[in-house]
Protein backbone atom coordinates (compact mmCIF):
# COMPACT_ATOMS: atom_id res chain seq x y z
CA MET A 1 -14.03 -13.35 -56.82
CA GLU A 2 -14.57 -14.37 -60.42
CA LEU A 3 -17.04 -16.81 -62.00
CA ARG A 4 -14.10 -18.99 -63.29
CA GLN A 5 -12.66 -19.34 -59.55
CA LEU A 6 -16.26 -20.63 -58.70
CA GLU A 7 -16.40 -23.03 -61.49
CA TYR A 8 -13.04 -24.42 -60.82
CA PHE A 9 -14.09 -24.95 -57.22
CA VAL A 10 -17.29 -26.65 -57.99
CA ALA A 11 -15.51 -28.98 -60.27
CA VAL A 12 -12.88 -29.92 -57.72
CA ALA A 13 -15.77 -30.10 -54.93
CA GLU A 14 -17.45 -32.72 -57.19
CA GLU A 15 -14.72 -34.79 -58.27
CA LEU A 16 -12.73 -34.59 -54.98
CA HIS A 17 -9.48 -34.70 -57.47
CA PHE A 18 -7.55 -31.95 -58.88
CA GLY A 19 -6.69 -34.05 -61.82
CA ARG A 20 -10.11 -35.39 -62.58
CA ALA A 21 -11.38 -31.77 -62.25
CA ALA A 22 -8.78 -30.29 -64.72
CA ASP A 23 -9.70 -33.12 -67.22
CA ARG A 24 -13.27 -32.41 -67.23
CA LEU A 25 -12.40 -28.43 -67.26
CA HIS A 26 -10.18 -29.02 -70.24
CA ILE A 27 -7.42 -27.04 -68.54
CA GLY A 28 -3.87 -27.70 -66.77
CA GLN A 29 -4.12 -28.89 -63.24
CA PRO A 30 -1.55 -25.94 -62.04
CA ALA A 31 -4.10 -23.37 -63.50
CA VAL A 32 -7.01 -25.22 -61.44
CA SER A 33 -4.83 -25.13 -58.14
CA GLN A 34 -3.98 -21.53 -58.64
CA GLN A 35 -7.23 -20.10 -59.06
CA ILE A 36 -8.74 -21.99 -56.13
CA ARG A 37 -5.73 -20.74 -53.95
CA ARG A 38 -6.66 -17.38 -55.29
CA LEU A 39 -10.26 -17.86 -54.02
CA GLU A 40 -9.06 -19.10 -50.70
CA ARG A 41 -7.17 -15.89 -50.00
CA GLU A 42 -9.94 -13.73 -51.20
CA LEU A 43 -12.06 -15.33 -49.10
CA GLY A 44 -9.84 -15.71 -45.79
CA ALA A 45 -10.54 -19.41 -45.62
CA GLU A 46 -9.54 -22.92 -46.62
CA LEU A 47 -11.98 -24.63 -48.78
CA LEU A 48 -10.31 -27.68 -49.26
CA ASP A 49 -8.47 -30.14 -47.09
CA ARG A 50 -5.43 -31.22 -49.23
CA SER A 51 -3.44 -34.41 -48.54
CA PRO A 52 -1.39 -36.60 -50.64
CA ARG A 53 -3.92 -39.37 -50.83
CA ARG A 54 -7.32 -37.64 -50.98
CA VAL A 55 -8.86 -34.08 -51.28
CA ARG A 56 -12.02 -33.42 -48.90
CA LEU A 57 -14.12 -30.31 -48.58
CA THR A 58 -13.68 -28.38 -45.21
CA ALA A 59 -16.70 -27.12 -43.25
CA ALA A 60 -16.22 -23.30 -45.30
CA GLY A 61 -16.11 -25.61 -48.47
CA GLU A 62 -19.13 -27.39 -47.49
CA SER A 63 -20.81 -23.95 -46.95
CA LEU A 64 -19.79 -22.42 -49.96
CA LEU A 65 -20.55 -25.24 -52.37
CA PRO A 66 -24.39 -24.69 -52.62
CA GLU A 67 -23.90 -20.99 -53.03
CA ALA A 68 -21.00 -21.49 -55.72
CA ARG A 69 -23.75 -23.77 -57.64
CA ALA A 70 -26.39 -21.30 -57.40
CA VAL A 71 -23.97 -18.62 -59.04
CA MET A 72 -23.13 -21.25 -61.77
CA ALA A 73 -26.88 -22.08 -62.35
CA ALA A 74 -27.56 -18.36 -62.56
CA ALA A 75 -24.91 -17.75 -65.02
CA ALA A 76 -26.62 -20.62 -67.26
CA ARG A 77 -29.93 -19.08 -67.09
CA ALA A 78 -28.40 -16.03 -68.34
CA ARG A 79 -26.57 -17.77 -71.18
CA ALA A 80 -29.72 -19.51 -72.19
CA ALA A 81 -31.56 -16.04 -72.11
CA VAL A 82 -29.46 -15.25 -75.26
CA THR A 83 -28.72 -18.79 -76.78
CA PRO A 84 -31.33 -20.34 -78.66
CA ALA A 85 -29.74 -23.76 -78.60
CA ALA A 86 -30.55 -23.37 -74.90
CA ARG A 87 -33.80 -22.35 -75.00
CA THR A 88 -34.98 -24.93 -77.51
CA GLY A 89 -34.00 -28.76 -78.48
CA LYS A 90 -34.17 -32.04 -76.27
CA LEU A 91 -32.54 -33.37 -73.47
CA ARG A 92 -32.28 -37.20 -72.91
CA LEU A 93 -32.58 -38.18 -69.44
CA GLY A 94 -32.09 -41.73 -67.98
CA THR A 95 -34.53 -42.64 -64.99
CA SER A 96 -35.45 -45.73 -63.15
CA ALA A 97 -38.33 -47.09 -61.11
CA GLY A 98 -38.43 -45.65 -57.54
CA LEU A 99 -38.01 -42.03 -58.21
CA GLY A 100 -41.86 -41.26 -57.56
CA GLU A 101 -42.78 -37.94 -56.91
CA ARG A 102 -39.33 -36.37 -56.86
CA LEU A 103 -39.00 -37.20 -60.54
CA GLU A 104 -42.19 -34.96 -61.39
CA ARG A 105 -40.88 -32.46 -59.21
CA VAL A 106 -37.72 -32.10 -61.14
CA LEU A 107 -39.20 -32.22 -64.41
CA ASP A 108 -41.74 -29.44 -63.19
CA ALA A 109 -38.66 -27.36 -62.24
CA PHE A 110 -36.74 -27.97 -65.23
CA ALA A 111 -40.04 -26.97 -67.33
CA GLY A 112 -40.11 -23.81 -65.37
CA LEU A 113 -36.46 -23.00 -66.04
CA ALA A 114 -36.16 -24.17 -69.83
CA PRO A 115 -39.84 -24.18 -71.18
CA GLY A 116 -38.81 -24.81 -74.63
CA VAL A 117 -36.68 -28.09 -74.32
CA ALA A 118 -38.38 -31.46 -74.60
CA LEU A 119 -37.45 -33.93 -72.04
CA GLU A 120 -36.98 -37.39 -73.48
CA LEU A 121 -37.00 -39.94 -70.51
CA VAL A 122 -35.30 -43.13 -70.94
CA GLY A 123 -35.82 -46.03 -68.57
CA ALA A 124 -33.04 -48.58 -68.18
CA THR A 125 -31.35 -50.70 -65.77
CA ALA A 126 -28.26 -48.93 -64.22
CA ASP A 127 -25.75 -50.28 -66.34
CA GLU A 128 -27.39 -49.73 -69.43
CA ARG A 129 -27.89 -45.81 -68.48
CA LEU A 130 -24.30 -45.37 -67.64
CA ALA A 131 -23.35 -47.14 -70.93
CA ARG A 132 -25.60 -45.11 -72.88
CA LEU A 133 -24.19 -41.92 -71.14
CA ALA A 134 -20.81 -42.91 -71.81
CA ASP A 135 -21.46 -43.48 -75.74
CA GLY A 136 -23.66 -40.35 -75.79
CA THR A 137 -26.87 -41.42 -76.40
CA LEU A 138 -28.28 -40.10 -73.13
CA ASP A 139 -27.13 -36.50 -71.69
CA ALA A 140 -27.58 -37.36 -68.02
CA ALA A 141 -28.79 -40.25 -66.06
CA PHE A 142 -30.22 -40.67 -62.43
CA ILE A 143 -28.35 -43.33 -60.75
CA ARG A 144 -27.82 -44.92 -57.64
CA SER A 145 -25.28 -47.60 -58.21
CA PRO A 146 -21.44 -46.22 -58.32
CA VAL A 147 -20.36 -44.63 -61.33
CA TRP A 148 -16.93 -45.79 -62.48
CA GLU A 149 -15.37 -42.81 -63.15
CA GLY A 150 -12.01 -44.19 -64.46
CA ASP A 151 -13.01 -46.46 -67.21
CA ARG A 152 -16.30 -44.77 -68.37
CA GLY A 153 -15.45 -41.14 -68.18
CA LEU A 154 -18.18 -40.20 -66.32
CA ARG A 155 -18.93 -38.16 -62.83
CA ALA A 156 -21.74 -38.04 -60.40
CA VAL A 157 -23.27 -35.16 -58.67
CA PRO A 158 -24.91 -36.23 -55.37
CA LEU A 159 -28.36 -34.88 -55.25
CA TRP A 160 -30.58 -36.62 -52.24
CA ARG A 161 -31.06 -39.64 -49.88
CA ASP A 162 -33.67 -41.78 -50.69
CA GLU A 163 -35.26 -43.55 -47.86
CA LEU A 164 -36.14 -47.58 -48.10
CA VAL A 165 -39.14 -49.24 -46.39
CA ALA A 166 -39.55 -52.88 -46.04
CA ALA A 167 -42.64 -54.37 -48.04
CA VAL A 168 -44.04 -57.10 -45.96
CA PRO A 169 -47.36 -59.24 -45.91
CA ALA A 170 -50.08 -56.88 -44.49
CA ARG A 171 -51.17 -59.80 -42.31
CA HIS A 172 -47.92 -60.41 -40.79
CA PRO A 173 -46.94 -59.14 -37.20
CA ILE A 174 -43.93 -56.97 -38.52
CA ALA A 175 -46.62 -54.84 -40.54
CA ALA A 176 -48.30 -53.79 -37.17
CA GLY A 177 -45.07 -52.56 -35.59
CA THR A 178 -43.87 -48.84 -36.17
CA TYR A 179 -40.29 -49.89 -37.52
CA ALA A 180 -39.00 -53.31 -39.04
CA ALA A 181 -36.21 -54.76 -37.06
CA LEU A 182 -33.51 -56.53 -39.51
CA ALA A 183 -33.32 -59.42 -37.28
CA ASP A 184 -37.20 -60.14 -37.64
CA LEU A 185 -37.07 -59.64 -41.47
CA ALA A 186 -34.08 -62.04 -41.79
CA GLU A 187 -36.43 -65.04 -40.63
CA LEU A 188 -38.65 -64.54 -43.74
CA PRO A 189 -37.34 -65.12 -47.47
CA LEU A 190 -36.26 -62.07 -49.30
CA ARG A 191 -37.21 -61.33 -52.75
CA LEU A 192 -34.47 -58.93 -53.96
CA THR A 193 -33.71 -58.00 -57.38
CA ALA A 194 -30.57 -59.53 -59.03
CA ARG A 195 -27.65 -57.57 -58.22
CA ARG A 196 -26.76 -56.67 -61.82
CA ASN A 197 -30.01 -54.51 -61.76
CA ASN A 198 -29.51 -52.51 -58.74
CA PRO A 199 -25.95 -53.26 -57.09
CA ALA A 200 -26.26 -50.43 -54.81
CA LEU A 201 -29.60 -51.53 -53.38
CA VAL A 202 -28.46 -55.19 -53.02
CA ASP A 203 -25.14 -54.54 -51.51
CA LEU A 204 -26.74 -52.20 -49.04
CA VAL A 205 -29.41 -54.52 -47.97
CA VAL A 206 -26.91 -57.56 -47.79
CA SER A 207 -24.61 -55.48 -45.69
CA ALA A 208 -27.19 -54.37 -43.18
CA LEU A 209 -28.51 -57.98 -42.77
CA SER A 210 -24.54 -59.16 -42.18
CA ALA A 211 -24.20 -56.07 -39.81
CA ALA A 212 -27.10 -57.59 -37.59
CA GLY A 213 -25.49 -60.94 -37.72
CA ARG A 214 -28.07 -62.43 -40.15
CA GLU A 215 -27.81 -63.85 -43.74
CA PRO A 216 -30.54 -63.44 -46.03
CA VAL A 217 -32.89 -66.14 -46.77
CA SER A 218 -33.55 -65.90 -50.62
CA ALA A 219 -36.63 -66.35 -52.43
CA PRO A 220 -36.94 -65.63 -56.14
CA PRO A 221 -38.29 -62.24 -57.03
CA ALA A 222 -40.82 -62.17 -59.82
CA SER A 223 -40.00 -60.51 -63.13
CA ASN A 224 -41.29 -56.98 -62.03
CA LEU A 225 -42.12 -55.21 -58.83
CA THR A 226 -45.69 -55.41 -59.09
CA ASP A 227 -45.28 -59.24 -59.36
CA THR A 228 -43.23 -59.22 -56.36
CA MET A 229 -45.69 -57.50 -54.51
CA ALA A 230 -48.43 -59.99 -55.52
CA ALA A 231 -46.32 -62.92 -54.52
CA ILE A 232 -45.38 -61.38 -51.04
CA GLY A 233 -49.10 -60.57 -50.39
CA ALA A 234 -50.09 -64.19 -51.45
CA ASP A 235 -47.46 -66.24 -49.34
CA GLY A 236 -47.66 -64.08 -46.22
CA ALA A 237 -44.12 -64.85 -45.53
CA SER A 238 -41.69 -62.78 -47.67
CA TRP A 239 -40.39 -59.65 -47.97
CA THR A 240 -38.55 -57.19 -50.49
CA VAL A 241 -37.41 -53.66 -50.00
CA VAL A 242 -38.59 -50.57 -51.89
CA TYR A 243 -37.78 -47.03 -52.03
CA ALA A 244 -40.06 -44.88 -49.74
CA SER A 245 -41.06 -42.61 -52.67
CA HIS A 246 -42.07 -45.18 -54.95
CA ALA A 247 -44.10 -47.30 -52.01
CA ALA A 248 -46.36 -43.83 -51.91
CA LEU A 249 -47.46 -44.57 -55.37
CA LEU A 250 -48.19 -48.29 -55.06
CA ARG A 251 -51.60 -49.25 -54.36
CA THR A 252 -52.06 -52.72 -52.64
CA THR A 253 -53.93 -53.77 -49.67
CA ARG A 254 -52.15 -57.04 -49.22
CA VAL A 255 -48.63 -55.51 -48.54
CA ALA A 256 -47.47 -53.20 -45.83
CA PHE A 257 -44.50 -50.54 -46.13
CA VAL A 258 -42.93 -50.23 -43.00
CA PRO A 259 -39.95 -48.00 -42.28
CA PHE A 260 -36.50 -49.78 -41.16
CA GLU A 261 -35.73 -49.41 -37.36
CA PRO A 262 -33.53 -46.68 -36.99
CA PRO A 263 -30.87 -45.19 -38.22
CA GLY A 264 -32.95 -46.57 -41.28
CA LEU A 265 -31.53 -47.35 -44.72
CA SER A 266 -30.93 -45.06 -47.73
CA ILE A 267 -29.29 -44.61 -50.74
CA THR A 268 -28.14 -41.47 -52.15
CA THR A 269 -29.27 -40.55 -55.80
CA HIS A 270 -26.93 -39.02 -58.09
CA LEU A 271 -27.16 -37.41 -61.39
CA ALA A 272 -24.54 -39.05 -63.58
CA LEU A 273 -22.91 -36.91 -66.44
CA ARG A 274 -19.88 -37.15 -68.83
CA ARG A 275 -16.91 -35.60 -67.34
CA GLU A 276 -16.70 -32.37 -69.47
CA PRO A 277 -17.83 -28.70 -69.01
CA PRO A 278 -21.44 -28.99 -68.62
CA SER A 279 -23.51 -27.48 -71.29
CA PRO A 280 -26.20 -24.77 -70.32
CA LEU A 281 -29.24 -27.36 -70.58
CA ILE A 282 -27.12 -29.70 -67.87
CA ASP A 283 -26.81 -26.52 -65.79
CA LEU A 284 -30.30 -25.91 -65.84
CA LEU A 285 -31.05 -29.59 -65.03
CA LEU A 286 -28.76 -29.44 -61.95
CA ARG A 287 -30.62 -25.99 -60.69
CA ALA A 288 -33.90 -27.94 -61.45
CA CYS A 289 -32.71 -30.83 -59.07
CA ASP A 290 -31.53 -27.99 -56.45
CA LEU A 291 -34.93 -26.40 -56.57
CA ARG A 292 -36.72 -29.42 -55.79
CA GLU A 293 -34.53 -30.47 -52.84
CA SER A 294 -35.07 -26.69 -51.72
CA ASP A 295 -38.78 -27.16 -51.72
CA ASP A 296 -38.21 -30.72 -49.80
CA GLN A 297 -36.77 -28.68 -47.21
CA ASP A 298 -39.58 -26.26 -46.79
CA PRO A 299 -41.37 -26.72 -43.42
């Protein structure tokens, strides 16, 4: 088994497309296919389900992916140990509201892996983060909106699922329940941000209401989440959706945060990157995200 084979496998597993993986690796597509076939023969298992229309990971491929990423991260740390540019410098990272403690834990893990690197955190809308990543003024960005790889030259690495909760007036009957039912929430005006600010969130909420046979009754959101919380607490009859990790940091006695009825609502957070071979710093950032996720899974 060669490090190169694992690198090619990770690229195809993340892109789910041999052509895009080859472009990202700056090599020909036949070489990618050949090396992965050799890896499959050595392991005695098919890693990818190839069809004319799409590529998917097999069960064996799903099992190998985190291990392959760990090997790549270890190789990145080895390079960083002898590469001055990877021990110092700056990484520009796009962030968004709602990451909460997750972001803090990623930053702590990254500081442990790359103590000499300064992290510049840049807050912006999802579209601004993607635009800045595409033009090179960001090195990576946390994103929940879709990454349009075809016209931006970007790719997205899935990291974790963010659970959502309903923010309702503390004195409303829904606040006293274990879960918030979409059918009950649909009776109240919904103070949701404009779709351009967070298309993934808005589309998920609207689709969930539609699946429950309801249409949202819209109310104008405030200019920021703090003011929206104040408006919900004041009118006593509106609601919005908040990331659970962010809700844990909000201090308010007039608004209650209630989980959605099972199976709940959640959104995947990705790390958006340019579609090119990752630098040692990006490898370390991905490793920091893996460490944070492993910590979350501890009993």
